[in-house]
Amino acid sequence: MRDALDAARIALMLAPPNPRVGCVIVSAEGQLLGTGSTQRTGGPHAEIMALRDAETRGNNVAGATAYVTLEPCSHQGRTGPCCDALIAAGIKKVVASLTDPNPKVGGKGFERLRAAGIEVEVGPGATESRELNIGFFSRMVRGTPWVRMKMAASLDGQTALENGTSQWITSAPARADGHAWRARACAVLTGIGTVLEDNPRLDVREVDTPRQPQLVVVDSRLETPLDAHLFIAGRAITFYAAVPNDAKKAALEARGATVVYCPGRQPGTEGKVDLAAMLRDLATREINEVHVEAGHKLNGSLVREGLVDEFLLYLAPKLLGAGRGMVNIGPLAELSQAIELEFRETAMIGPDLRILARISGRDRF
């Protein structure tokens, strides 16, 4: 199963919105017969790639065991059912990490395999596989993407000087690492404040990637300039607005963008985008992971509304003093109001410290 998980990691940037799945086929004598990973959307799944690899190597898989990091699919989607391919190939046993959370599958693949006389074991590698596909599980179970907020700051928590200067607080290795996290996401999310102030591209440039994540912009009044650098990458862009502006909507759509009106419905939210509804809508558009790179105002709104699942933080060994903070959520009246986090991972990236911190209990779904 370790080899199957390694194969799944190969699909980290390639597979979304499909889950990242790896498959390894082993003979009864323990010989590796074939291995595969989920391909780009519409392409073969891991099981099919492993069967093809075995065929290319001249290996007969009849009577073999398939180790796969997620339940083989049982439905006709963009591709055919993988469980049927395993049955046809004569696989004797399937060891899978997890049941597929997709209600179109949800145990049906295992049922079909067992009905065909194939032994099924479920569980090995479950924790690793779920973490690798936390966004897919979030979309299928919660109906919203997994939201990861990336921030780069000085050791005293400043993301920019008071005058807005922020390039560059962290090092080149940290920026490249941040691009790798962008590349694994289905969508990068930012706000109109960042667009107008920094005119960023927010695409993946510092690392090789087989695809560009979509871009999502919270732009309540559709103020994004038509010549903004956001359009350079040529990827899908969705604007979420609150105030109707049909002329600007048409102009943005002429540039290939999608515009969705998603106004707040509660008192005090008039003229603002309903961020929770936006995330639910993104889930219907097959967005698994949202990578947030925004300013402290939008960051604060997302955090205050309980919409952020984890934080990807790069801390530079610098002190900037008074400046712009990471998240505008205060002031709090009591320490008990603090948002509790769990440190999931720390690593040195060049001279900077990378911290992955998750909202406590957020992954229990």
Protein backbone atom coordinates (compact mmCIF):
# COMPACT_ATOMS: atom_id res chain seq x y z
CA MET A 1 0.00 0.00 0.00
CA ARG A 2 2.94 2.34 0.58
CA ASP A 3 3.81 2.04 -3.11
CA ALA A 4 0.18 2.72 -4.04
CA LEU A 5 0.18 5.87 -1.88
CA ASP A 6 3.40 7.00 -3.58
CA ALA A 7 1.66 6.50 -6.92
CA ALA A 8 -1.30 8.55 -5.67
CA ARG A 9 1.02 11.42 -4.74
CA ILE A 10 2.19 11.54 -8.36
CA ALA A 11 -1.36 12.65 -9.20
CA LEU A 12 -1.29 15.50 -6.66
CA MET A 13 -1.39 18.30 -9.23
CA LEU A 14 -2.87 16.31 -12.11
CA ALA A 15 -5.98 14.50 -10.89
CA PRO A 16 -8.29 17.25 -9.49
CA PRO A 17 -11.25 17.42 -9.44
CA ASN A 18 -10.98 13.62 -9.35
CA PRO A 19 -9.43 12.10 -6.22
CA ARG A 20 -5.70 11.38 -6.21
CA VAL A 21 -5.52 7.60 -6.40
CA GLY A 22 -2.70 5.12 -6.84
CA CYS A 23 -2.89 1.45 -7.72
CA VAL A 24 -0.27 -1.30 -7.53
CA ILE A 25 -0.87 -4.83 -8.80
CA VAL A 26 1.17 -7.62 -7.20
CA SER A 27 1.33 -11.32 -8.07
CA ALA A 28 0.70 -14.10 -5.55
CA GLU A 29 4.48 -14.46 -5.30
CA GLY A 30 4.91 -10.78 -4.43
CA GLN A 31 6.15 -9.63 -7.85
CA LEU A 32 5.21 -6.11 -8.95
CA LEU A 33 3.13 -6.47 -12.09
CA GLY A 34 1.92 -2.94 -12.74
CA THR A 35 1.43 0.48 -11.19
CA GLY A 36 -0.65 3.51 -12.07
CA SER A 37 -1.97 6.89 -10.99
CA THR A 38 -5.15 8.81 -11.79
CA GLN A 39 -4.68 10.91 -14.91
CA ARG A 40 -6.08 14.28 -15.95
CA THR A 41 -9.86 14.73 -15.81
CA GLY A 42 -11.47 12.53 -18.45
CA GLY A 43 -8.41 10.29 -18.59
CA PRO A 44 -7.89 6.81 -17.14
CA HIS A 45 -8.12 6.15 -13.42
CA ALA A 46 -5.31 4.55 -11.43
CA GLU A 47 -6.61 0.99 -11.79
CA ILE A 48 -6.76 1.24 -15.58
CA MET A 49 -3.26 2.71 -15.71
CA ALA A 50 -1.93 -0.13 -13.54
CA LEU A 51 -3.57 -2.75 -15.76
CA ARG A 52 -2.12 -1.06 -18.85
CA ASP A 53 1.30 -0.92 -17.23
CA ALA A 54 1.13 -4.64 -16.47
CA GLU A 55 0.16 -5.36 -20.07
CA THR A 56 3.01 -3.21 -21.37
CA ARG A 57 5.42 -5.18 -19.19
CA GLY A 58 4.00 -8.45 -20.51
CA ASN A 59 2.64 -9.45 -17.10
CA ASN A 60 -0.50 -11.53 -16.64
CA VAL A 61 -2.55 -10.18 -13.69
CA ALA A 62 -4.93 -13.12 -13.34
CA GLY A 63 -4.96 -14.20 -9.69
CA ALA A 64 -3.09 -11.08 -8.56
CA THR A 65 -3.87 -8.59 -5.79
CA ALA A 66 -4.62 -4.92 -6.54
CA TYR A 67 -3.67 -2.40 -3.88
CA VAL A 68 -5.63 0.80 -4.46
CA THR A 69 -5.90 3.90 -2.28
CA LEU A 70 -9.63 4.41 -2.84
CA GLU A 71 -12.57 2.16 -3.65
CA PRO A 72 -12.66 1.33 -7.38
CA CYS A 73 -15.48 3.26 -9.01
CA SER A 74 -18.62 1.42 -10.05
CA HIS A 75 -20.40 4.02 -12.18
CA GLN A 76 -20.14 5.37 -15.69
CA GLY A 77 -18.81 8.90 -15.45
CA ARG A 78 -16.21 10.46 -17.73
CA THR A 79 -14.68 6.96 -17.79
CA GLY A 80 -16.03 3.46 -17.31
CA PRO A 81 -16.28 1.53 -14.01
CA CYS A 82 -12.85 0.50 -12.72
CA CYS A 83 -14.27 -2.40 -10.72
CA ASP A 84 -15.48 -3.98 -13.96
CA ALA A 85 -11.98 -3.68 -15.46
CA LEU A 86 -10.46 -5.42 -12.42
CA ILE A 87 -13.04 -8.19 -12.62
CA ALA A 88 -12.44 -8.69 -16.35
CA ALA A 89 -8.68 -8.84 -15.78
CA GLY A 90 -9.04 -11.71 -13.31
CA ILE A 91 -7.87 -9.91 -10.20
CA LYS A 92 -8.29 -12.22 -7.17
CA LYS A 93 -8.12 -9.71 -4.30
CA VAL A 94 -8.48 -5.94 -3.85
CA VAL A 95 -6.96 -4.12 -0.87
CA ALA A 96 -8.33 -0.58 -0.66
CA SER A 97 -7.62 2.24 1.78
CA LEU A 98 -11.08 3.81 1.89
CA THR A 99 -14.66 3.66 0.75
CA ASP A 100 -15.32 6.31 -1.90
CA PRO A 101 -17.34 9.19 -0.34
CA ASN A 102 -18.97 9.89 -3.69
CA PRO A 103 -22.61 8.79 -3.27
CA LYS A 104 -22.50 7.44 -6.83
CA VAL A 105 -19.98 4.88 -5.58
CA GLY A 106 -20.14 4.66 -1.74
CA GLY A 107 -19.54 0.92 -1.35
CA LYS A 108 -21.10 -0.16 -4.64
CA GLY A 109 -17.67 -0.86 -6.11
CA PHE A 110 -16.84 -3.22 -3.25
CA GLU A 111 -20.24 -4.90 -3.61
CA ARG A 112 -19.65 -5.55 -7.30
CA LEU A 113 -16.17 -6.93 -6.66
CA ARG A 114 -17.41 -9.29 -3.93
CA ALA A 115 -20.32 -10.40 -6.11
CA ALA A 116 -17.74 -11.41 -8.71
CA GLY A 117 -15.93 -13.56 -6.14
CA ILE A 118 -13.09 -11.12 -5.47
CA GLU A 119 -11.85 -10.85 -1.90
CA VAL A 120 -11.95 -7.26 -0.61
CA GLU A 121 -9.99 -5.80 2.30
CA VAL A 122 -10.50 -2.17 3.38
CA GLY A 123 -8.39 -0.03 5.69
CA PRO A 124 -4.63 -0.04 5.05
CA GLY A 125 -3.37 3.47 4.30
CA ALA A 126 -6.71 5.08 5.18
CA THR A 127 -5.31 8.08 7.06
CA GLU A 128 -2.77 8.95 4.36
CA SER A 129 -5.25 8.51 1.53
CA ARG A 130 -7.87 10.69 3.21
CA GLU A 131 -5.36 13.46 3.87
CA LEU A 132 -4.24 13.31 0.28
CA ASN A 133 -7.87 13.75 -0.79
CA ILE A 134 -9.17 15.97 2.02
CA GLY A 135 -10.70 18.36 -0.52
CA PHE A 136 -12.52 15.60 -2.39
CA PHE A 137 -13.89 14.22 0.88
CA SER A 138 -14.93 17.72 1.95
CA ARG A 139 -16.83 18.32 -1.28
CA MET A 140 -18.55 14.96 -1.18
CA VAL A 141 -19.41 14.91 2.53
CA ARG A 142 -19.84 18.59 3.50
CA GLY A 143 -20.85 20.02 0.14
CA THR A 144 -18.09 22.64 0.31
CA PRO A 145 -14.43 22.68 -0.73
CA TRP A 146 -11.56 22.42 1.74
CA VAL A 147 -10.33 25.98 2.30
CA ARG A 148 -6.62 26.54 2.90
CA MET A 149 -5.47 30.11 3.58
CA LYS A 150 -1.90 30.94 2.62
CA MET A 151 -0.10 33.85 4.28
CA ALA A 152 3.49 35.12 4.26
CA ALA A 153 4.52 37.30 7.16
CA SER A 154 7.35 38.54 9.31
CA LEU A 155 8.01 36.91 12.66
CA ASP A 156 5.89 39.61 14.31
CA GLY A 157 2.93 38.77 12.06
CA GLN A 158 3.06 41.58 9.49
CA THR A 159 2.20 40.79 5.86
CA ALA A 160 3.15 44.25 4.61
CA LEU A 161 4.44 47.61 5.73
CA GLU A 162 1.90 50.29 6.60
CA ASN A 163 2.29 51.70 3.07
CA GLY A 164 1.37 48.31 1.58
CA THR A 165 4.85 47.20 0.50
CA SER A 166 5.09 43.41 0.75
CA GLN A 167 7.48 42.24 -1.98
CA TRP A 168 9.26 40.35 -0.73
CA ILE A 169 8.98 39.47 2.95
CA THR A 170 9.76 35.79 2.48
CA SER A 171 12.47 34.15 0.40
CA ALA A 172 12.50 32.81 -3.15
CA PRO A 173 12.35 29.17 -1.90
CA ALA A 174 9.25 30.01 0.16
CA ARG A 175 7.60 31.63 -2.85
CA ALA A 176 8.33 28.57 -4.99
CA ASP A 177 6.92 26.33 -2.26
CA GLY A 178 3.80 28.50 -2.16
CA HIS A 179 3.38 28.03 -5.90
CA ALA A 180 3.52 24.25 -5.39
CA TRP A 181 0.62 24.55 -2.95
CA ARG A 182 -1.24 26.69 -5.49
CA ALA A 183 -0.69 24.01 -8.11
CA ARG A 184 -2.34 21.27 -6.01
CA ALA A 185 -5.53 23.31 -5.49
CA CYS A 186 -8.55 23.33 -7.78
CA ALA A 187 -8.90 27.09 -7.38
CA VAL A 188 -6.98 30.10 -6.09
CA LEU A 189 -9.19 32.64 -4.31
CA THR A 190 -8.49 36.34 -3.90
CA GLY A 191 -10.36 39.59 -3.37
CA ILE A 192 -10.81 42.78 -5.31
CA GLY A 193 -8.60 44.66 -2.84
CA THR A 194 -5.61 42.51 -3.77
CA VAL A 195 -6.45 42.82 -7.47
CA LEU A 196 -6.56 46.62 -7.39
CA GLU A 197 -3.58 47.09 -5.08
CA ASP A 198 -1.14 44.47 -6.38
CA ASN A 199 -2.44 43.56 -9.86
CA PRO A 200 -1.20 39.97 -9.37
CA ARG A 201 -1.30 37.07 -11.80
CA LEU A 202 -1.90 34.42 -9.12
CA ASP A 203 -1.00 31.60 -11.49
CA VAL A 204 1.60 28.87 -11.04
CA ARG A 205 5.00 29.92 -12.40
CA GLU A 206 7.68 28.86 -9.93
CA VAL A 207 7.14 25.10 -10.30
CA ASP A 208 6.24 22.81 -13.18
CA THR A 209 2.55 21.94 -13.25
CA PRO A 210 0.39 19.93 -15.66
CA ARG A 211 -2.50 22.38 -15.22
CA GLN A 212 -3.29 25.85 -13.92
CA PRO A 213 -5.82 26.03 -11.07
CA GLN A 214 -8.89 28.11 -11.68
CA LEU A 215 -9.05 31.62 -10.25
CA VAL A 216 -11.90 32.90 -8.08
CA VAL A 217 -12.27 36.60 -7.33
CA VAL A 218 -14.57 38.08 -4.70
CA ASP A 219 -15.50 41.34 -6.43
CA SER A 220 -18.76 42.69 -5.03
CA ARG A 221 -19.11 45.57 -7.50
CA LEU A 222 -17.22 44.07 -10.46
CA GLU A 223 -14.39 46.57 -10.25
CA THR A 224 -11.72 44.33 -11.79
CA PRO A 225 -10.01 46.12 -14.72
CA LEU A 226 -10.39 44.35 -18.04
CA ASP A 227 -6.61 44.53 -18.55
CA ALA A 228 -5.76 43.05 -15.14
CA HIS A 229 -2.85 40.62 -15.01
CA LEU A 230 -5.27 37.95 -13.80
CA PHE A 231 -6.21 37.26 -17.41
CA ILE A 232 -2.65 36.56 -18.59
CA ALA A 233 -2.60 32.88 -17.64
CA GLY A 234 -5.63 32.07 -19.79
CA ARG A 235 -7.23 29.79 -17.18
CA ALA A 236 -10.84 29.71 -16.02
CA ILE A 237 -11.79 32.72 -13.87
CA THR A 238 -14.98 33.10 -11.85
CA PHE A 239 -16.04 36.42 -10.34
CA TYR A 240 -18.50 36.46 -7.45
CA ALA A 241 -20.39 39.74 -7.21
CA ALA A 242 -23.16 41.22 -5.08
CA VAL A 243 -24.18 44.39 -6.90
CA PRO A 244 -25.61 43.90 -10.40
CA ASN A 245 -23.60 45.51 -13.19
CA ASP A 246 -24.70 43.82 -16.38
CA ALA A 247 -22.46 45.90 -18.66
CA LYS A 248 -19.32 44.97 -16.75
CA LYS A 249 -20.54 41.38 -16.44
CA ALA A 250 -20.82 41.18 -20.22
CA ALA A 251 -17.36 42.70 -20.64
CA LEU A 252 -15.79 40.20 -18.24
CA GLU A 253 -17.58 37.32 -19.91
CA ALA A 254 -16.26 38.55 -23.25
CA ARG A 255 -12.82 37.97 -21.77
CA GLY A 256 -13.80 34.35 -21.04
CA ALA A 257 -14.69 34.79 -17.37
CA THR A 258 -17.76 33.54 -15.52
CA VAL A 259 -19.70 36.01 -13.35
CA VAL A 260 -21.95 34.79 -10.56
CA TYR A 261 -24.19 37.11 -8.56
CA CYS A 262 -24.13 35.90 -4.97
CA PRO A 263 -25.37 38.72 -2.71
CA GLY A 264 -25.71 38.52 1.04
CA ARG A 265 -29.30 38.03 2.24
CA GLN A 266 -28.89 38.80 5.93
CA PRO A 267 -29.13 42.28 7.49
CA GLY A 268 -25.78 44.01 7.31
CA THR A 269 -24.55 41.94 4.36
CA GLU A 270 -26.16 44.06 1.64
CA GLY A 271 -23.69 44.82 -1.12
CA LYS A 272 -21.36 42.01 -0.03
CA VAL A 273 -20.82 38.54 -1.45
CA ASP A 274 -22.31 35.70 0.57
CA LEU A 275 -19.05 33.81 1.12
CA ALA A 276 -20.69 30.64 2.47
CA ALA A 277 -23.01 30.45 -0.53
CA MET A 278 -20.02 31.08 -2.80
CA LEU A 279 -18.23 28.03 -1.39
CA ARG A 280 -21.33 25.88 -1.82
CA ASP A 281 -21.54 27.03 -5.42
CA LEU A 282 -17.86 26.24 -5.99
CA ALA A 283 -18.52 22.70 -4.79
CA THR A 284 -21.15 22.28 -7.49
CA ARG A 285 -18.42 23.34 -9.95
CA GLU A 286 -16.22 20.44 -8.78
CA ILE A 287 -13.80 22.53 -6.73
CA ASN A 288 -12.15 20.35 -4.08
CA GLU A 289 -9.47 22.58 -2.58
CA VAL A 290 -9.53 26.38 -2.44
CA HIS A 291 -6.19 28.10 -1.92
CA VAL A 292 -6.77 31.59 -0.50
CA GLU A 293 -4.27 34.36 -1.21
CA ALA A 294 -5.97 37.58 -0.18
CA GLY A 295 -5.62 40.60 2.06
CA HIS A 296 -6.36 40.85 5.76
CA LYS A 297 -9.95 42.06 5.18
CA LEU A 298 -11.15 39.12 3.07
CA ASN A 299 -9.03 36.78 5.19
CA GLY A 300 -10.79 38.15 8.26
CA SER A 301 -14.24 37.73 6.75
CA LEU A 302 -13.56 34.11 5.83
CA VAL A 303 -12.19 33.34 9.28
CA ARG A 304 -14.96 35.15 11.17
CA GLU A 305 -17.60 33.22 9.23
CA GLY A 306 -15.90 29.92 10.06
CA LEU A 307 -15.12 29.12 6.43
CA VAL A 308 -11.37 28.44 6.69
CA ASP A 309 -10.18 24.91 7.42
CA GLU A 310 -6.44 25.36 7.70
CA PHE A 311 -3.65 27.91 7.39
CA LEU A 312 -0.46 27.67 5.35
CA LEU A 313 1.85 30.20 6.94
CA TYR A 314 5.37 31.24 5.93
CA LEU A 315 7.23 33.18 8.62
CA ALA A 316 10.34 35.14 7.66
CA PRO A 317 13.09 35.76 10.23
CA LYS A 318 12.35 39.49 10.22
CA LEU A 319 10.65 42.05 12.43
CA LEU A 320 8.68 44.77 10.63
CA GLY A 321 6.99 46.54 13.51
CA ALA A 322 3.71 48.31 12.78
CA GLY A 323 2.24 47.21 9.47
CA ARG A 324 -0.59 45.11 8.06
CA GLY A 325 -1.59 41.96 9.90
CA MET A 326 -2.57 38.58 8.57
CA VAL A 327 -6.23 38.34 9.53
CA ASN A 328 -8.61 41.11 10.58
CA ILE A 329 -10.76 39.33 13.19
CA GLY A 330 -10.40 41.30 16.41
CA PRO A 331 -10.29 42.64 18.89
CA LEU A 332 -11.44 39.78 21.11
CA ALA A 333 -12.80 40.45 24.56
CA GLU A 334 -11.69 37.19 26.13
CA LEU A 335 -8.99 34.59 25.52
CA SER A 336 -11.73 31.96 25.38
CA GLN A 337 -12.86 33.52 22.08
CA ALA A 338 -9.57 32.61 20.41
CA ILE A 339 -9.74 30.27 17.44
CA GLU A 340 -8.07 27.03 18.48
CA LEU A 341 -5.62 25.52 16.00
CA GLU A 342 -3.66 22.31 15.68
CA PHE A 343 -0.14 22.42 14.27
CA ARG A 344 -0.07 19.71 11.62
CA GLU A 345 3.37 20.27 10.15
CA THR A 346 6.40 22.54 10.41
CA ALA A 347 9.32 22.73 7.99
CA MET A 348 12.18 25.04 7.08
CA ILE A 349 11.84 26.35 3.53
CA GLY A 350 15.09 28.13 2.83
CA PRO A 351 15.49 30.64 5.69
CA ASP A 352 11.74 30.73 6.38
CA LEU A 353 9.52 28.61 8.62
CA ARG A 354 6.48 26.97 7.06
CA ILE A 355 3.62 26.10 9.40
CA LEU A 356 0.52 24.13 8.45
CA ALA A 357 -2.12 24.72 11.14
CA ARG A 358 -5.66 23.34 11.07
CA ILE A 359 -8.78 24.55 12.84
CA SER A 360 -9.23 22.10 15.71
CA GLY A 361 -11.62 19.31 14.81
CA ARG A 362 -12.24 20.66 11.33
CA ASP A 363 -11.40 17.42 9.58
CA ARG A 364 -13.93 15.33 11.51
CA PHE A 365 -16.51 14.79 8.81
